Amino acid sequence: MSSSDFSSLNLPAALLEAVDSLGFTAMTPVQAQALPGILAGKDLIVQAEPGSGKTAAFGLGMLAGLSPHPIAVQALAVCPTRELADQVSIELRRLARRTPNIKVLTLCGGAPFGAQRASLAQGAHIVVGTPGRLEEHLRKNSLDLSRLLVLVLDEADRMLDMGFAPQLARVVQHAPEARQTLLFSATYPSSISELSRSYQRAPSRITVPSTRLVAPEGGGAGGVEERFYRVRASERTAILVRWLASARPESTLVFCNTRKECDEVASELGRLGWVAACIHSDLAQQERQHVMRMFIGKSCSVLAATDVAARGWDISELSAIVNLGLSREPSVYLHRVGRTGRAGQPGLAISLVSDEDAGPLRAIERSQGRPATFHELPPALPKSHQPALPPMVTLLLGAGKKKKLRPGDVLGALTAEGGIDAADVGAIQIDDAYAYVAVSQESAERALLVLSKGQVKGRQVKVRKAGLSFREPQ
């Protein structure tokens, strides 16, 4: 038995079955190093890059120590963003799929408080949430942490960067002192040491070296190729268009430093024929979630985003990220780059650097211990250029979790009943009231006809092609 096998750990049989059903063949480095200590009940500080498998590490530890009875909050994961909280909740539910009667509840702003309070009244074993909303529930006595066993501070450096230290302190005040506290962070500034001293007891520190950032000329499986281009600030969007036309990536996440720039990039790309959208904090939560569903489903080729997107979105097959200018913090650059090259896939990080980025560039070079390598600009566009279409079309169904809809129900309606090849069906994402299913461009019309004329899980369901703005199925 290899020391990297999950079966080498003292995990309940139900968790081992879930791990096997998810296709996890061996532990990642962070899992191999952290899980023994987590299962032993120790406090840990874990420094690991995004996409390293840390959620499964603390998730398995949480679930291994849970008791189905009583139905009380025994584990709490605090995350900096709603997007990360959603991703963590999804992963925990996947890991708990073979463990009966375990309830995971997500508590974030942007969702109705009353509905969350009603769900809490019915009981939950694990809560995942953002500091502000968790504090609100604790202040209004709708969340009880008196039986908490495990507290996880996920992407703690980001929480401090976003100014959540006061809310976090008020949340932790409600947790029992006799608990296990796990702190996960991609970077280790002095503020993380202070946070650990405040909330942990004799923690062990685990540092997992990055295996994904490689020399700029490298790339290859499991690595991220970094490419820097010198541009004028006024030419960033034009150079972005030239690069997209030359490289023709399947999906590209473009990071902008302001909401205004984000809107302008998406608008200009749309004007030129690209299927592009933007996402930032000014958008309503439903619109943000809708755009992300489209992007994950590969029916939106380019997504322009502020750094709200730098953390929390686990997109396993992201072709490239583009920095439309550099952030002043090297840690932000790390998290942006960490969106690509996940799950052993090659990744590409493009940075368009102008004179005003000189300071941030030097900081990135110091943090990586090597100079940036600049490349020649991509060629100018020919007049006959046509933007590449996204490979998929996303269909929006008017039913979701509240009607007990599951991905298998949608897949079965398309393949078993509709005769569509399973290879033409992409991501199926189920929300409370809606479901999103991506199908290939070639099968889109057929899939729309199948779902609109047939039944899903024995009932008629409204369906329409999803656009870049949310509209209910008619």
Protein backbone atom coordinates (compact mmCIF):
# COMPACT_ATOMS: atom_id res chain seq x y z
CA MET A 1 0.00 0.00 0.00
CA SER A 2 1.49 3.34 -1.04
CA SER A 3 1.70 6.19 1.48
CA SER A 4 -0.06 8.34 -1.14
CA ASP A 5 -3.12 6.06 -1.20
CA PHE A 6 -6.21 7.31 0.64
CA SER A 7 -6.62 3.78 1.96
CA SER A 8 -3.44 4.29 4.01
CA LEU A 9 -5.37 6.77 6.18
CA ASN A 10 -7.72 6.01 9.02
CA LEU A 11 -10.78 7.14 7.06
CA PRO A 12 -14.30 5.70 7.44
CA ALA A 13 -15.31 3.24 4.73
CA ALA A 14 -17.98 5.61 3.39
CA LEU A 15 -15.38 8.32 2.73
CA LEU A 16 -13.04 5.86 1.02
CA GLU A 17 -15.93 4.77 -1.20
CA ALA A 18 -16.70 8.41 -2.05
CA VAL A 19 -13.06 9.11 -2.86
CA ASP A 20 -12.95 6.07 -5.12
CA SER A 21 -16.21 7.01 -6.86
CA LEU A 22 -14.81 10.49 -7.58
CA GLY A 23 -11.79 8.98 -9.30
CA PHE A 24 -9.19 10.21 -6.80
CA THR A 25 -6.40 7.71 -7.41
CA ALA A 26 -3.75 9.19 -5.11
CA MET A 27 -3.41 12.03 -2.65
CA THR A 28 -1.99 15.34 -3.81
CA PRO A 29 1.06 16.61 -1.87
CA VAL A 30 -1.05 18.88 0.34
CA GLN A 31 -3.42 16.02 1.14
CA ALA A 32 -0.59 13.61 1.90
CA GLN A 33 1.10 16.09 4.23
CA ALA A 34 -1.94 17.60 5.92
CA LEU A 35 -4.45 14.77 6.30
CA PRO A 36 -2.56 12.75 8.96
CA GLY A 37 -2.38 15.81 11.21
CA ILE A 38 -5.97 16.82 10.48
CA LEU A 39 -7.25 13.34 11.31
CA ALA A 40 -5.18 13.40 14.52
CA GLY A 41 -7.01 16.55 15.60
CA LYS A 42 -4.03 18.91 15.39
CA ASP A 43 -4.17 22.59 14.55
CA LEU A 44 -2.41 23.26 11.24
CA ILE A 45 -1.21 26.20 9.17
CA VAL A 46 -1.14 24.98 5.57
CA GLN A 47 0.49 27.12 2.89
CA ALA A 48 -0.50 25.78 -0.52
CA GLU A 49 -1.33 27.21 -3.92
CA PRO A 50 -4.86 27.37 -5.36
CA GLY A 51 -5.96 24.12 -7.01
CA SER A 52 -3.68 21.97 -4.81
CA GLY A 53 -6.48 19.81 -3.40
CA LYS A 54 -6.72 21.56 -0.04
CA THR A 55 -10.54 21.52 0.02
CA ALA A 56 -10.58 17.73 -0.12
CA ALA A 57 -7.91 17.69 2.60
CA PHE A 58 -9.91 19.62 5.16
CA GLY A 59 -13.20 18.24 3.84
CA LEU A 60 -12.22 14.64 4.50
CA GLY A 61 -10.95 15.66 7.93
CA MET A 62 -14.24 17.40 8.71
CA LEU A 63 -16.38 14.51 7.58
CA ALA A 64 -14.28 11.84 9.30
CA GLY A 65 -15.04 13.33 12.71
CA LEU A 66 -18.73 14.12 12.21
CA SER A 67 -21.59 12.43 14.00
CA PRO A 68 -24.96 12.37 12.19
CA HIS A 69 -26.66 12.81 15.56
CA PRO A 70 -27.32 15.28 16.97
CA ILE A 71 -27.97 17.53 13.98
CA ALA A 72 -25.77 20.41 15.11
CA VAL A 73 -23.09 22.54 13.46
CA GLN A 74 -19.94 20.53 14.08
CA ALA A 75 -17.72 22.01 11.35
CA LEU A 76 -17.43 25.54 9.95
CA ALA A 77 -15.46 26.72 6.91
CA VAL A 78 -15.04 30.49 6.57
CA CYS A 79 -14.25 31.75 3.05
CA PRO A 80 -13.50 35.23 1.68
CA THR A 81 -15.98 35.15 -1.24
CA ARG A 82 -19.37 33.72 -2.12
CA GLU A 83 -17.85 31.97 -5.11
CA LEU A 84 -15.30 30.13 -2.99
CA ALA A 85 -17.94 29.22 -0.40
CA ASP A 86 -20.12 27.74 -3.15
CA GLN A 87 -17.21 25.71 -4.52
CA VAL A 88 -16.26 24.43 -1.06
CA SER A 89 -19.87 23.41 -0.37
CA ILE A 90 -20.08 21.53 -3.67
CA GLU A 91 -16.85 19.65 -2.90
CA LEU A 92 -17.99 18.76 0.62
CA ARG A 93 -21.28 17.39 -0.68
CA ARG A 94 -19.37 15.30 -3.24
CA LEU A 95 -17.16 13.88 -0.50
CA ALA A 96 -20.21 13.17 1.69
CA ARG A 97 -22.14 11.40 -1.08
CA ARG A 98 -21.73 7.95 0.56
CA THR A 99 -22.20 9.19 4.14
CA PRO A 100 -25.92 9.25 4.95
CA ASN A 101 -27.78 12.10 6.64
CA ILE A 102 -25.05 14.74 6.46
CA LYS A 103 -26.31 18.25 5.71
CA VAL A 104 -24.04 20.99 4.33
CA LEU A 105 -25.38 24.54 4.38
CA THR A 106 -23.96 27.64 2.64
CA LEU A 107 -24.38 31.05 4.30
CA CYS A 108 -23.32 34.01 2.15
CA GLY A 109 -24.53 37.51 1.46
CA GLY A 110 -26.53 38.07 -1.71
CA ALA A 111 -29.00 35.33 -0.76
CA PRO A 112 -32.21 35.86 1.26
CA PHE A 113 -31.45 35.89 4.98
CA GLY A 114 -34.85 34.47 5.92
CA ALA A 115 -34.43 31.37 3.76
CA GLN A 116 -31.02 30.74 5.33
CA ARG A 117 -32.46 31.15 8.82
CA ALA A 118 -35.22 28.66 8.00
CA SER A 119 -32.64 26.14 6.75
CA LEU A 120 -30.57 26.58 9.91
CA ALA A 121 -33.67 25.93 12.00
CA GLN A 122 -33.91 22.51 10.33
CA GLY A 123 -30.33 21.75 11.33
CA ALA A 124 -26.96 21.36 9.60
CA HIS A 125 -23.75 19.46 10.30
CA ILE A 126 -21.39 21.62 8.24
CA VAL A 127 -21.70 25.33 7.51
CA VAL A 128 -19.69 27.13 4.84
CA GLY A 129 -19.92 30.90 4.67
CA THR A 130 -18.46 34.35 4.36
CA PRO A 131 -17.51 36.38 7.46
CA GLY A 132 -20.16 39.10 7.13
CA ARG A 133 -23.15 36.80 6.72
CA LEU A 134 -21.90 34.38 9.40
CA GLU A 135 -21.54 37.28 11.82
CA GLU A 136 -25.07 38.42 11.02
CA HIS A 137 -26.53 34.98 11.76
CA LEU A 138 -24.60 34.79 15.02
CA ARG A 139 -25.72 38.28 16.03
CA LYS A 140 -29.36 37.37 15.36
CA ASN A 141 -29.03 34.01 17.15
CA SER A 142 -29.92 31.93 14.09
CA LEU A 143 -26.52 30.17 14.05
CA ASP A 144 -25.28 28.16 17.04
CA LEU A 145 -21.60 27.18 17.18
CA SER A 146 -21.60 25.77 20.70
CA ARG A 147 -20.95 22.21 19.42
CA LEU A 148 -18.34 23.17 16.85
CA LEU A 149 -15.46 20.70 16.56
CA VAL A 150 -13.55 21.98 13.51
CA LEU A 151 -13.01 25.54 12.29
CA VAL A 152 -11.42 26.09 8.86
CA LEU A 153 -10.17 29.49 7.71
CA ASP A 154 -9.85 29.03 3.96
CA GLU A 155 -7.71 31.45 1.94
CA ALA A 156 -7.03 33.35 5.15
CA ASP A 157 -4.62 35.75 3.47
CA ARG A 158 -7.36 36.87 1.11
CA MET A 159 -9.78 37.40 4.02
CA LEU A 160 -7.27 39.70 5.67
CA ASP A 161 -6.58 41.51 2.37
CA MET A 162 -10.31 42.15 2.00
CA GLY A 163 -10.57 43.66 5.49
CA PHE A 164 -12.54 40.84 7.11
CA ALA A 165 -10.39 40.60 10.27
CA PRO A 166 -13.00 42.31 12.54
CA GLN A 167 -15.89 40.15 11.30
CA LEU A 168 -13.73 37.05 11.54
CA ALA A 169 -12.84 37.86 15.14
CA ARG A 170 -16.51 38.23 16.05
CA VAL A 171 -17.33 34.89 14.39
CA VAL A 172 -14.55 33.04 16.22
CA GLN A 173 -15.71 34.50 19.56
CA HIS A 174 -18.78 32.27 19.29
CA ALA A 175 -16.76 29.07 18.75
CA PRO A 176 -15.70 26.84 21.66
CA GLU A 177 -12.06 27.13 22.71
CA ALA A 178 -11.74 23.34 22.65
CA ARG A 179 -11.82 23.00 18.88
CA GLN A 180 -9.51 22.16 16.00
CA THR A 181 -8.55 25.17 13.88
CA LEU A 182 -7.13 24.72 10.38
CA LEU A 183 -5.72 27.73 8.56
CA PHE A 184 -5.14 27.56 4.80
CA SER A 185 -3.31 30.31 2.93
CA ALA A 186 -1.53 30.62 -0.40
CA THR A 187 0.92 33.18 1.02
CA TYR A 188 2.42 33.67 4.48
CA PRO A 189 2.62 37.37 5.37
CA SER A 190 3.18 38.45 8.98
CA SER A 191 -0.56 38.98 9.39
CA ILE A 192 -1.09 35.24 8.99
CA SER A 193 1.27 34.58 11.92
CA GLU A 194 -0.74 37.03 14.02
CA LEU A 195 -4.00 35.37 12.99
CA SER A 196 -2.62 31.97 13.95
CA ARG A 197 -1.48 33.19 17.39
CA SER A 198 -4.99 34.52 18.03
CA TYR A 199 -6.96 31.45 17.01
CA GLN A 200 -4.75 28.34 17.11
CA ARG A 201 -3.07 26.18 19.73
CA ALA A 202 0.49 25.00 19.03
CA PRO A 203 -0.14 24.65 15.30
CA SER A 204 2.14 22.70 12.98
CA ARG A 205 3.06 24.49 9.76
CA ILE A 206 2.99 22.71 6.42
CA THR A 207 4.34 24.35 3.28
CA VAL A 208 3.68 22.68 -0.06
CA PRO A 209 6.02 24.02 -2.76
CA SER A 210 4.41 25.17 -5.98
CA THR A 211 4.64 22.60 -8.74
CA ARG A 212 2.63 24.50 -11.32
CA LEU A 213 4.50 27.72 -12.03
CA VAL A 214 7.36 26.91 -14.39
CA ALA A 215 10.00 28.80 -16.32
CA PRO A 216 8.44 31.08 -18.94
CA GLU A 217 9.62 28.93 -21.83
CA GLY A 218 8.42 25.74 -20.16
CA GLY A 219 4.77 24.94 -19.86
CA GLY A 220 3.78 21.34 -20.46
CA ALA A 221 1.49 19.03 -18.53
CA GLY A 222 0.83 20.18 -15.02
CA GLY A 223 2.62 23.51 -15.49
CA VAL A 224 1.72 27.11 -16.22
CA GLU A 225 3.59 28.91 -18.96
CA GLU A 226 4.03 32.61 -18.17
CA ARG A 227 4.30 35.07 -21.05
CA PHE A 228 4.87 38.82 -20.64
CA TYR A 229 4.24 41.43 -23.36
CA ARG A 230 5.25 45.11 -23.26
CA VAL A 231 2.35 47.33 -24.30
CA ARG A 232 1.13 50.90 -23.99
CA ALA A 233 -1.65 51.23 -21.44
CA SER A 234 -3.97 52.62 -24.11
CA GLU A 235 -3.36 49.56 -26.34
CA ARG A 236 -4.10 46.78 -23.84
CA THR A 237 -7.50 45.84 -25.22
CA ALA A 238 -6.29 45.95 -28.84
CA ILE A 239 -3.34 43.69 -27.99
CA LEU A 240 -5.68 41.36 -26.09
CA VAL A 241 -7.81 41.02 -29.23
CA ARG A 242 -4.72 40.28 -31.32
CA TRP A 243 -3.58 37.63 -28.86
CA LEU A 244 -7.03 35.99 -28.72
CA ALA A 245 -7.16 35.90 -32.52
CA SER A 246 -3.68 34.39 -32.75
CA ALA A 247 -3.88 31.84 -29.93
CA ARG A 248 -7.64 31.06 -30.25
CA PRO A 249 -7.95 29.63 -26.71
CA GLU A 250 -11.13 27.78 -25.85
CA SER A 251 -11.73 29.77 -22.65
CA THR A 252 -9.93 32.84 -21.33
CA LEU A 253 -10.30 34.68 -18.04
CA VAL A 254 -9.16 38.31 -18.36
CA PHE A 255 -8.30 40.06 -15.10
CA CYS A 256 -8.89 43.81 -14.95
CA ASN A 257 -7.96 46.13 -12.10
CA THR A 258 -11.18 48.18 -12.23
CA ARG A 259 -14.87 47.51 -12.83
CA LYS A 260 -14.93 50.18 -15.53
CA GLU A 261 -12.11 48.48 -17.45
CA CYS A 262 -13.90 45.16 -17.04
CA ASP A 263 -17.08 46.54 -18.64
CA GLU A 264 -15.14 48.20 -21.45
CA VAL A 265 -13.19 45.05 -22.34
CA ALA A 266 -16.31 42.89 -22.52
CA SER A 267 -18.15 45.53 -24.54
CA GLU A 268 -15.32 45.93 -27.07
CA LEU A 269 -14.86 42.18 -27.49
CA GLY A 270 -18.61 41.77 -28.00
CA ARG A 271 -18.60 44.53 -30.61
CA LEU A 272 -15.87 42.66 -32.50
CA GLY A 273 -17.83 39.40 -32.49
CA TRP A 274 -16.43 37.53 -29.49
CA VAL A 275 -18.83 35.85 -27.08
CA ALA A 276 -17.59 37.75 -24.04
CA ALA A 277 -19.02 38.80 -20.69
CA CYS A 278 -17.85 40.59 -17.58
CA ILE A 279 -18.26 39.92 -13.88
CA HIS A 280 -17.60 42.14 -10.88
CA SER A 281 -19.12 43.22 -7.57
CA ASP A 282 -21.58 45.69 -9.13
CA LEU A 283 -23.54 42.83 -10.68
CA ALA A 284 -26.36 41.18 -8.76
CA GLN A 285 -25.54 37.76 -7.38
CA GLN A 286 -27.90 35.99 -9.81
CA GLU A 287 -26.26 37.71 -12.78
CA ARG A 288 -22.78 36.82 -11.50
CA GLN A 289 -23.76 33.21 -11.01
CA HIS A 290 -25.44 33.06 -14.43
CA VAL A 291 -22.33 34.39 -16.19
CA MET A 292 -20.13 31.90 -14.36
CA ARG A 293 -22.43 29.04 -15.36
CA MET A 294 -22.09 30.14 -18.99
CA PHE A 295 -18.31 30.37 -18.74
CA ILE A 296 -17.90 27.01 -16.99
CA GLY A 297 -20.17 25.50 -19.64
CA LYS A 298 -17.83 26.83 -22.36
CA SER A 299 -20.55 28.79 -24.11
CA CYS A 300 -18.84 32.07 -23.24
CA SER A 301 -15.30 32.26 -24.61
CA VAL A 302 -13.93 35.26 -22.72
CA LEU A 303 -14.76 36.45 -19.24
CA ALA A 304 -13.43 39.82 -18.06
CA ALA A 305 -13.30 39.96 -14.28
CA THR A 306 -12.04 41.98 -11.36
CA ASP A 307 -10.16 40.22 -8.59
CA VAL A 308 -13.40 38.94 -7.13
CA ALA A 309 -12.62 36.12 -9.60
CA ALA A 310 -9.06 35.56 -8.41
CA ARG A 311 -10.27 33.16 -5.76
CA GLY A 312 -13.06 30.75 -5.23
CA TRP A 313 -13.80 29.52 -8.72
CA ASP A 314 -12.60 26.02 -9.42
CA ILE A 315 -12.58 25.86 -13.23
CA SER A 316 -10.73 22.67 -14.05
CA GLU A 317 -10.21 23.31 -17.78
CA LEU A 318 -9.32 26.98 -18.16
CA SER A 319 -7.12 27.48 -21.21
CA ALA A 320 -5.56 30.77 -20.21
CA ILE A 321 -5.69 33.80 -17.97
CA VAL A 322 -4.72 37.29 -19.10
CA ASN A 323 -3.55 40.07 -16.79
CA LEU A 324 -4.67 43.32 -18.38
CA GLY A 325 -2.07 45.10 -16.30
CA LEU A 326 -0.51 43.90 -13.04
CA SER A 327 -1.82 44.08 -9.50
CA ARG A 328 0.37 45.83 -6.95
CA GLU A 329 0.43 42.71 -4.77
CA PRO A 330 2.51 39.70 -5.94
CA SER A 331 0.11 37.41 -4.04
CA VAL A 332 -2.74 38.60 -6.28
CA TYR A 333 -0.67 37.70 -9.34
CA LEU A 334 -0.14 34.23 -7.86
CA HIS A 335 -3.85 33.71 -7.33
CA ARG A 336 -4.73 34.96 -10.77
CA VAL A 337 -2.24 32.59 -12.38
CA GLY A 338 -3.54 29.82 -10.12
CA ARG A 339 -6.85 29.80 -11.99
CA THR A 340 -5.23 27.99 -14.96
CA GLY A 341 -3.20 24.79 -15.16
CA ARG A 342 -5.34 22.87 -12.68
CA ALA A 343 -5.88 19.16 -12.27
CA GLY A 344 -2.68 18.28 -14.10
CA GLN A 345 -3.65 20.29 -17.18
CA PRO A 346 -1.24 22.69 -18.93
CA GLY A 347 -1.99 26.35 -18.37
CA LEU A 348 -1.06 29.71 -19.85
CA ALA A 349 -0.75 33.07 -18.08
CA ILE A 350 -0.46 36.18 -20.27
CA SER A 351 0.52 39.55 -18.77
CA LEU A 352 0.19 42.80 -20.72
CA VAL A 353 2.67 45.11 -18.99
CA SER A 354 2.86 48.89 -19.48
CA ASP A 355 5.21 51.46 -17.97
CA GLU A 356 2.89 51.99 -15.01
CA ASP A 357 3.34 48.31 -14.08
CA ALA A 358 7.10 48.68 -13.45
CA GLY A 359 6.80 48.51 -9.66
CA PRO A 360 4.44 45.53 -9.54
CA LEU A 361 6.60 43.73 -12.12
CA ARG A 362 9.72 44.10 -9.95
CA ALA A 363 7.77 42.77 -6.96
CA ILE A 364 6.65 39.70 -8.95
CA GLU A 365 10.21 39.08 -10.15
CA ARG A 366 11.51 39.25 -6.57
CA SER A 367 8.83 36.89 -5.30
CA GLN A 368 9.62 34.34 -8.02
CA GLY A 369 13.39 34.76 -7.86
CA ARG A 370 13.79 35.25 -11.61
CA PRO A 371 13.26 37.97 -14.21
CA ALA A 372 10.21 38.03 -16.42
CA THR A 373 10.78 36.97 -20.01
CA PHE A 374 9.11 39.20 -22.58
CA HIS A 375 7.83 37.98 -25.95
CA GLU A 376 7.14 39.59 -29.28
CA LEU A 377 3.64 40.95 -29.68
CA PRO A 378 1.15 38.80 -31.63
CA PRO A 379 0.63 39.77 -35.28
CA ALA A 380 -1.92 42.34 -36.36
CA LEU A 381 -5.32 41.01 -37.36
CA PRO A 382 -6.12 40.41 -41.03
CA LYS A 383 -9.29 42.06 -42.29
CA SER A 384 -10.83 38.65 -42.90
CA HIS A 385 -10.46 37.62 -39.25
CA GLN A 386 -13.45 35.89 -37.66
CA PRO A 387 -13.59 35.28 -33.87
CA ALA A 388 -13.82 31.66 -32.82
CA LEU A 389 -17.23 30.45 -31.66
CA PRO A 390 -17.46 28.84 -28.23
CA PRO A 391 -17.51 25.03 -28.52
CA MET A 392 -20.72 24.70 -26.50
CA VAL A 393 -24.21 26.17 -26.15
CA THR A 394 -25.78 26.34 -22.70
CA LEU A 395 -29.45 25.49 -22.18
CA LEU A 396 -31.31 26.86 -19.15
CA LEU A 397 -33.98 24.66 -17.55
CA GLY A 398 -36.71 25.98 -15.25
CA ALA A 399 -36.18 23.34 -12.55
CA GLY A 400 -33.44 22.71 -10.03
CA LYS A 401 -32.61 21.29 -6.63
CA LYS A 402 -35.92 22.36 -5.11
CA LYS A 403 -37.64 19.98 -7.54
CA LYS A 404 -35.11 17.24 -6.76
CA LEU A 405 -33.47 17.53 -10.17
CA ARG A 406 -30.06 15.87 -10.49
CA PRO A 407 -27.43 15.94 -13.26
CA GLY A 408 -28.20 12.32 -14.10
CA ASP A 409 -31.84 13.20 -14.78
CA VAL A 410 -30.84 15.80 -17.37
CA LEU A 411 -28.20 13.57 -18.95
CA GLY A 412 -30.67 10.69 -19.17
CA ALA A 413 -33.30 12.86 -20.86
CA LEU A 414 -30.78 13.90 -23.50
CA THR A 415 -29.04 10.58 -24.12
CA ALA A 416 -31.32 7.68 -23.21
CA GLU A 417 -34.54 9.37 -24.32
CA GLY A 418 -33.29 11.95 -26.83
CA GLY A 419 -30.60 9.90 -28.53
CA ILE A 420 -27.90 12.55 -28.13
CA ASP A 421 -24.36 11.25 -27.77
CA ALA A 422 -23.07 11.68 -24.21
CA ALA A 423 -19.83 13.05 -25.67
CA ASP A 424 -21.86 16.06 -26.91
CA VAL A 425 -23.03 16.89 -23.39
CA GLY A 426 -20.75 19.06 -21.24
CA ALA A 427 -21.11 20.58 -17.79
CA ILE A 428 -24.45 20.11 -16.02
CA GLN A 429 -24.87 22.59 -13.18
CA ILE A 430 -27.88 22.48 -10.86
CA ASP A 431 -28.95 25.52 -8.80
CA ASP A 432 -31.92 25.77 -6.44
CA ALA A 433 -34.45 26.87 -9.09
CA TYR A 434 -32.63 26.32 -12.40
CA ALA A 435 -30.34 23.89 -14.19
CA TYR A 436 -27.71 24.63 -16.82
CA VAL A 437 -26.62 22.02 -19.35
CA ALA A 438 -23.91 22.60 -21.96
CA VAL A 439 -24.18 20.81 -25.28
CA SER A 440 -22.03 20.98 -28.36
CA GLN A 441 -22.82 23.55 -31.05
CA GLU A 442 -23.70 20.71 -33.43
CA SER A 443 -26.24 19.16 -31.02
CA ALA A 444 -27.72 22.35 -29.54
CA GLU A 445 -30.89 22.54 -31.64
CA ARG A 446 -31.59 18.85 -31.23
CA ALA A 447 -31.06 19.06 -27.45
CA LEU A 448 -33.37 22.07 -27.18
CA LEU A 449 -36.09 20.19 -29.07
CA VAL A 450 -35.63 17.05 -26.95
CA LEU A 451 -35.92 18.92 -23.66
CA SER A 452 -38.78 21.20 -24.74
CA LYS A 453 -40.91 18.39 -26.25
CA GLY A 454 -40.00 15.59 -23.86
CA GLN A 455 -39.86 15.18 -20.10
CA VAL A 456 -37.15 15.39 -17.47
CA LYS A 457 -37.64 13.16 -14.45
CA GLY A 458 -41.25 12.50 -15.54
CA ARG A 459 -42.28 16.12 -15.86
CA GLN A 460 -42.40 18.83 -18.51
CA VAL A 461 -39.69 21.44 -17.93
CA LYS A 462 -39.40 24.88 -19.51
CA VAL A 463 -36.13 25.34 -21.39
CA ARG A 464 -34.39 27.97 -23.52
CA LYS A 465 -30.97 28.79 -24.87
CA ALA A 466 -29.14 30.83 -22.25
CA GLY A 467 -27.78 34.22 -23.26
CA LEU A 468 -25.12 36.25 -21.52
CA SER A 469 -27.82 37.99 -19.43
CA PHE A 470 -30.15 35.96 -17.25
CA ARG A 471 -33.73 35.46 -18.46
CA GLU A 472 -36.10 32.84 -17.12
CA PRO A 473 -37.10 29.98 -19.44
CA GLN A 474 -40.43 30.63 -21.15
